[in-house]
């Protein structure tokens, strides 16, 4: 997980140590959502993880709304790179 975090920070951040910018946070949340979705396909009755997934999706949605208000070109590039639909 640490290696994927570093790769995401390099790809979406302004520098390799950039972990706080909005596109990096959205990309990290997307990776966690994909991982958790795979877990929930196997463990259908894991309701605690299901709640955690919903919280992550909501947090990513809020960050996407913030990015859309502040920087529309960056918002569009993040959507294309992460293959998210809006």
C-alpha atoms as a PDB file:
ATOM      1  CA  UNK A   1       0.000   0.000   0.000  1.00  0.00           C
ATOM      2  CA  UNK A   2       2.872   2.354   0.753  1.00  0.00           C
ATOM      3  CA  UNK A   3       4.340   1.887  -2.728  1.00  0.00           C
ATOM      4  CA  UNK A   4       1.032   2.680  -4.413  1.00  0.00           C
ATOM      5  CA  UNK A   5       0.658   5.772  -2.223  1.00  0.00           C
ATOM      6  CA  UNK A   6       4.083   6.999  -3.307  1.00  0.00           C
ATOM      7  CA  UNK A   7       3.262   6.337  -6.974  1.00  0.00           C
ATOM      8  CA  UNK A   8      -0.006   8.249  -6.704  1.00  0.00           C
ATOM      9  CA  UNK A   9       1.750  11.168  -5.011  1.00  0.00           C
ATOM     10  CA  UNK A  10       4.320  11.293  -7.820  1.00  0.00           C
ATOM     11  CA  UNK A  11       1.697  11.077 -10.553  1.00  0.00           C
ATOM     12  CA  UNK A  12      -0.915  13.526  -9.259  1.00  0.00           C
ATOM     13  CA  UNK A  13       1.097  15.772  -6.960  1.00  0.00           C
ATOM     14  CA  UNK A  14       3.264  18.772  -7.676  1.00  0.00           C
ATOM     15  CA  UNK A  15       6.236  16.929  -6.173  1.00  0.00           C
ATOM     16  CA  UNK A  16       6.960  13.442  -4.871  1.00  0.00           C
ATOM     17  CA  UNK A  17       6.258  14.522  -1.295  1.00  0.00           C
ATOM     18  CA  UNK A  18       2.978  16.279  -2.116  1.00  0.00           C
ATOM     19  CA  UNK A  19       0.276  14.427  -0.207  1.00  0.00           C
ATOM     20  CA  UNK A  20      -2.114  17.212   0.672  1.00  0.00           C
ATOM     21  CA  UNK A  21      -3.236  18.720  -2.607  1.00  0.00           C
ATOM     22  CA  UNK A  22      -6.786  18.005  -3.662  1.00  0.00           C
ATOM     23  CA  UNK A  23      -6.024  15.879  -6.770  1.00  0.00           C
ATOM     24  CA  UNK A  24      -3.704  13.664  -4.711  1.00  0.00           C
ATOM     25  CA  UNK A  25      -6.318  13.217  -1.996  1.00  0.00           C
ATOM     26  CA  UNK A  26      -8.957  12.319  -4.599  1.00  0.00           C
ATOM     27  CA  UNK A  27      -6.622   9.791  -6.238  1.00  0.00           C
ATOM     28  CA  UNK A  28      -5.759   8.207  -2.882  1.00  0.00           C
ATOM     29  CA  UNK A  29      -9.421   7.938  -1.937  1.00  0.00           C
ATOM     30  CA  UNK A  30     -10.207   6.382  -5.319  1.00  0.00           C
ATOM     31  CA  UNK A  31      -7.548   3.736  -4.747  1.00  0.00           C
ATOM     32  CA  UNK A  32      -8.927   2.941  -1.281  1.00  0.00           C
ATOM     33  CA  UNK A  33     -12.464   2.767  -2.696  1.00  0.00           C
ATOM     34  CA  UNK A  34     -11.370   0.286  -5.375  1.00  0.00           C
ATOM     35  CA  UNK A  35      -9.615  -1.851  -2.778  1.00  0.00           C
ATOM     36  CA  UNK A  36     -12.585  -1.821  -0.416  1.00  0.00           C
ATOM     37  CA  UNK A  37     -15.025  -2.604  -3.234  1.00  0.00           C
ATOM     38  CA  UNK A  38     -13.052  -5.718  -4.056  1.00  0.00           C
ATOM     39  CA  UNK A  39     -13.168  -6.771  -0.404  1.00  0.00           C
ATOM     40  CA  UNK A  40     -16.923  -6.260  -0.233  1.00  0.00           C
ATOM     41  CA  UNK A  41     -17.492  -8.447  -3.302  1.00  0.00           C
ATOM     42  CA  UNK A  42     -16.048 -11.329  -1.281  1.00  0.00           C
ATOM     43  CA  UNK A  43     -17.436 -10.402   2.156  1.00  0.00           C
ATOM     44  CA  UNK A  44     -20.996  -9.349   1.477  1.00  0.00           C
ATOM     45  CA  UNK A  45     -22.027  -9.126   5.138  1.00  0.00           C
ATOM     46  CA  UNK A  46     -19.169  -6.926   6.313  1.00  0.00           C
ATOM     47  CA  UNK A  47     -21.352  -3.970   7.205  1.00  0.00           C
ATOM     48  CA  UNK A  48     -18.625  -2.023   8.996  1.00  0.00           C
ATOM     49  CA  UNK A  49     -16.530  -1.966   5.824  1.00  0.00           C
ATOM     50  CA  UNK A  50     -19.625  -1.086   3.837  1.00  0.00           C
ATOM     51  CA  UNK A  51     -20.174   1.961   6.039  1.00  0.00           C
ATOM     52  CA  UNK A  52     -16.514   2.897   5.662  1.00  0.00           C
ATOM     53  CA  UNK A  53     -16.850   2.664   1.886  1.00  0.00           C
ATOM     54  CA  UNK A  54     -19.839   4.986   1.904  1.00  0.00           C
ATOM     55  CA  UNK A  55     -17.927   7.477   4.038  1.00  0.00           C
ATOM     56  CA  UNK A  56     -14.979   7.396   1.626  1.00  0.00           C
ATOM     57  CA  UNK A  57     -17.258   7.933  -1.360  1.00  0.00           C
ATOM     58  CA  UNK A  58     -18.854  10.910   0.379  1.00  0.00           C
ATOM     59  CA  UNK A  59     -15.484  12.410   1.224  1.00  0.00           C
ATOM     60  CA  UNK A  60     -14.297  12.006  -2.375  1.00  0.00           C
ATOM     61  CA  UNK A  61     -17.509  13.603  -3.603  1.00  0.00           C
ATOM     62  CA  UNK A  62     -16.974  16.631  -1.356  1.00  0.00           C
ATOM     63  CA  UNK A  63     -13.377  16.987  -2.527  1.00  0.00           C
ATOM     64  CA  UNK A  64     -14.485  16.777  -6.167  1.00  0.00           C
ATOM     65  CA  UNK A  65     -17.048  19.517  -5.535  1.00  0.00           C
ATOM     66  CA  UNK A  66     -14.377  21.685  -3.942  1.00  0.00           C
ATOM     67  CA  UNK A  67     -12.003  21.135  -6.860  1.00  0.00           C
ATOM     68  CA  UNK A  68     -14.760  21.895  -9.352  1.00  0.00           C
ATOM     69  CA  UNK A  69     -15.430  25.249  -7.661  1.00  0.00           C
ATOM     70  CA  UNK A  70     -11.753  26.213  -7.336  1.00  0.00           C
ATOM     71  CA  UNK A  71     -10.050  24.843 -10.453  1.00  0.00           C
ATOM     72  CA  UNK A  72     -12.266  23.549 -13.261  1.00  0.00           C
ATOM     73  CA  UNK A  73      -9.441  22.457 -15.635  1.00  0.00           C
ATOM     74  CA  UNK A  74      -7.796  20.423 -12.851  1.00  0.00           C
ATOM     75  CA  UNK A  75     -11.197  18.905 -12.041  1.00  0.00           C
ATOM     76  CA  UNK A  76     -11.660  17.779 -15.644  1.00  0.00           C
ATOM     77  CA  UNK A  77      -8.164  16.288 -15.852  1.00  0.00           C
ATOM     78  CA  UNK A  78      -8.637  14.389 -12.582  1.00  0.00           C
ATOM     79  CA  UNK A  79     -11.926  12.945 -13.829  1.00  0.00           C
ATOM     80  CA  UNK A  80     -10.304  11.794 -17.077  1.00  0.00           C
ATOM     81  CA  UNK A  81      -7.192  10.361 -15.417  1.00  0.00           C
ATOM     82  CA  UNK A  82      -9.101   8.456 -12.739  1.00  0.00           C
ATOM     83  CA  UNK A  83     -11.865   7.407 -15.144  1.00  0.00           C
ATOM     84  CA  UNK A  84     -14.616   8.823 -12.945  1.00  0.00           C
ATOM     85  CA  UNK A  85     -17.974   9.789 -14.354  1.00  0.00           C
ATOM     86  CA  UNK A  86     -19.746  13.021 -13.608  1.00  0.00           C
END
